[in-house]
Amino acid sequence: MLEMKGIVPVTDRKRPGAAVPPPLFVYGTLTDPLFMGRLLEREVVEEPATLVEYRRLELASLGHAVVVPEAGGEVEGLLYRGLTEADYERLDAYEGVAEGLYRRQAAEARTARRDREAVVVYVPTERTRRRHR
């Protein structure tokens, strides 16, 4: 189960007592639902959202943007709800979590309805940021 400080899992209504991982906020390659569906080997549904207290950072040598915490910052992207632990295992492999490239981090996002909620976002590790400054 996803264990991260500041994230309280929601209870699965279909399986009382079972926890559901929080939604995933994405801002780059994973905003393509076709790509995400292929990665997870199932259909996914996206929802527009804004990550709060983060900013987008272009790391030229990395070849794509990352997000980093920043007071007052906002990043536009998407939310994917209803992901399973198996989905997160695939995403961890894609993001290079075991290799120490990225890590899952608790954050907050605002949905189109302007509600704030707990989400997960992949952020670069300090090792990745140092290597690609």
Protein backbone atom coordinates (compact mmCIF):
# COMPACT_ATOMS: atom_id res chain seq x y z
CA MET A 1 0.00 0.00 0.00
CA LEU A 2 1.15 3.53 -0.68
CA GLU A 3 2.59 4.84 2.56
CA MET A 4 3.42 8.50 2.43
CA LYS A 5 3.39 11.13 5.09
CA GLY A 6 0.37 13.39 4.67
CA ILE A 7 -1.66 10.98 2.53
CA VAL A 8 -4.66 9.33 4.12
CA PRO A 9 -6.02 6.55 1.91
CA VAL A 10 -9.72 6.64 1.09
CA THR A 11 -11.77 3.57 1.96
CA ASP A 12 -13.00 1.45 -0.95
CA ARG A 13 -16.82 1.42 -0.82
CA LYS A 14 -16.96 -1.93 -2.62
CA ARG A 15 -14.53 -3.55 -0.19
CA PRO A 16 -15.07 -2.14 3.33
CA GLY A 17 -11.78 -1.71 5.15
CA ALA A 18 -9.73 -1.75 1.93
CA ALA A 19 -7.84 1.44 1.15
CA VAL A 20 -7.78 3.08 -2.28
CA PRO A 21 -4.59 4.89 -3.33
CA PRO A 22 -5.02 8.64 -3.90
CA PRO A 23 -5.34 9.94 -7.47
CA LEU A 24 -2.22 10.55 -9.53
CA PHE A 25 -1.41 14.04 -10.81
CA VAL A 26 0.47 14.03 -14.12
CA TYR A 27 1.96 16.92 -16.10
CA GLY A 28 4.04 15.47 -18.94
CA THR A 29 4.10 12.32 -21.06
CA LEU A 30 1.49 10.66 -18.87
CA THR A 31 -1.09 13.30 -19.80
CA ASP A 32 -1.69 11.29 -22.97
CA PRO A 33 -4.51 8.89 -22.01
CA LEU A 34 -3.63 6.53 -24.88
CA PHE A 35 -0.03 6.24 -23.65
CA MET A 36 -1.23 5.83 -20.06
CA GLY A 37 -3.75 3.18 -21.13
CA ARG A 38 -1.04 1.23 -22.92
CA LEU A 39 1.28 1.50 -19.92
CA LEU A 40 -1.41 0.22 -17.53
CA GLU A 41 -2.95 -2.15 -20.10
CA ARG A 42 -6.44 -0.80 -19.49
CA GLU A 43 -8.62 2.19 -20.25
CA VAL A 44 -8.10 5.25 -18.06
CA VAL A 45 -10.14 8.41 -17.57
CA GLU A 46 -8.45 11.74 -17.02
CA GLU A 47 -9.68 14.89 -15.31
CA PRO A 48 -8.16 18.40 -15.57
CA ALA A 49 -6.47 19.58 -12.37
CA THR A 50 -3.93 22.05 -11.03
CA LEU A 51 -1.11 20.98 -8.74
CA VAL A 52 -0.69 23.62 -6.04
CA GLU A 53 2.52 24.71 -4.29
CA TYR A 54 4.68 23.33 -7.14
CA ARG A 55 6.29 24.73 -10.25
CA ARG A 56 7.30 23.21 -13.56
CA LEU A 57 11.05 23.12 -14.11
CA GLU A 58 12.68 22.49 -17.48
CA LEU A 59 15.84 20.39 -17.16
CA ALA A 60 17.37 20.73 -20.63
CA SER A 61 19.77 17.81 -20.32
CA LEU A 62 16.93 15.56 -19.14
CA GLY A 63 14.80 16.37 -22.18
CA HIS A 64 11.56 16.94 -20.33
CA ALA A 65 10.04 18.99 -17.54
CA VAL A 66 9.74 18.00 -13.90
CA VAL A 67 7.83 19.54 -11.01
CA VAL A 68 9.37 20.77 -7.78
CA PRO A 69 7.79 22.21 -4.64
CA GLU A 70 7.44 25.99 -4.62
CA ALA A 71 5.24 28.12 -2.36
CA GLY A 72 2.52 29.80 -4.40
CA GLY A 73 3.32 27.81 -7.55
CA GLU A 74 0.81 26.03 -9.77
CA VAL A 75 1.16 23.44 -12.51
CA GLU A 76 -1.61 22.50 -14.95
CA GLY A 77 -2.12 18.82 -15.65
CA LEU A 78 -4.47 15.89 -15.22
CA LEU A 79 -5.67 13.54 -12.50
CA TYR A 80 -6.16 9.82 -12.90
CA ARG A 81 -8.48 8.33 -10.30
CA GLY A 82 -9.10 4.72 -9.37
CA LEU A 83 -5.53 3.53 -9.82
CA THR A 84 -4.62 0.29 -8.09
CA GLU A 85 -1.46 -0.74 -6.30
CA ALA A 86 -0.60 -2.79 -9.42
CA ASP A 87 -0.99 0.37 -11.51
CA TYR A 88 1.36 2.25 -9.17
CA GLU A 89 3.90 -0.58 -9.41
CA ARG A 90 3.91 -0.20 -13.23
CA LEU A 91 4.16 3.58 -12.90
CA ASP A 92 7.03 3.24 -10.41
CA ALA A 93 8.88 1.09 -12.94
CA TYR A 94 8.22 3.61 -15.73
CA GLU A 95 9.38 6.54 -13.56
CA GLY A 96 12.54 4.76 -12.37
CA VAL A 97 11.65 4.71 -8.68
CA ALA A 98 13.77 1.61 -7.94
CA GLU A 99 16.71 3.25 -9.72
CA GLY A 100 16.39 6.35 -7.54
CA LEU A 101 15.41 8.68 -10.39
CA TYR A 102 11.95 9.73 -9.16
CA ARG A 103 9.82 9.22 -6.09
CA ARG A 104 6.14 9.43 -5.29
CA GLN A 105 5.27 12.43 -3.19
CA ALA A 106 2.10 13.55 -1.42
CA ALA A 107 0.74 16.82 -2.75
CA GLU A 108 -2.51 18.75 -3.23
CA ALA A 109 -4.35 19.49 -6.44
CA ARG A 110 -7.35 21.60 -7.29
CA THR A 111 -9.95 20.12 -9.61
CA ALA A 112 -12.16 21.95 -12.09
CA ARG A 113 -14.67 22.37 -9.28
CA ARG A 114 -11.90 24.17 -7.32
CA ASP A 115 -11.88 21.51 -4.59
CA ARG A 116 -8.49 20.72 -3.08
CA GLU A 117 -7.60 17.12 -2.49
CA ALA A 118 -4.68 14.88 -1.65
CA VAL A 119 -2.89 13.45 -4.69
CA VAL A 120 0.35 11.72 -5.56
CA VAL A 121 2.88 13.20 -7.97
CA TYR A 122 6.19 11.86 -9.22
CA VAL A 123 9.05 14.24 -8.47
CA PRO A 124 12.74 13.92 -9.35
CA THR A 125 15.06 12.83 -6.58
CA GLU A 126 17.88 15.14 -5.56
CA ARG A 127 20.23 12.80 -7.42
CA THR A 128 18.30 13.36 -10.67
CA ARG A 129 18.12 17.12 -10.15
CA ARG A 130 21.87 17.38 -9.46
CA ARG A 131 22.73 15.30 -12.50
CA HIS A 132 20.59 17.39 -14.85
CA ARG A 133 21.04 20.96 -13.61
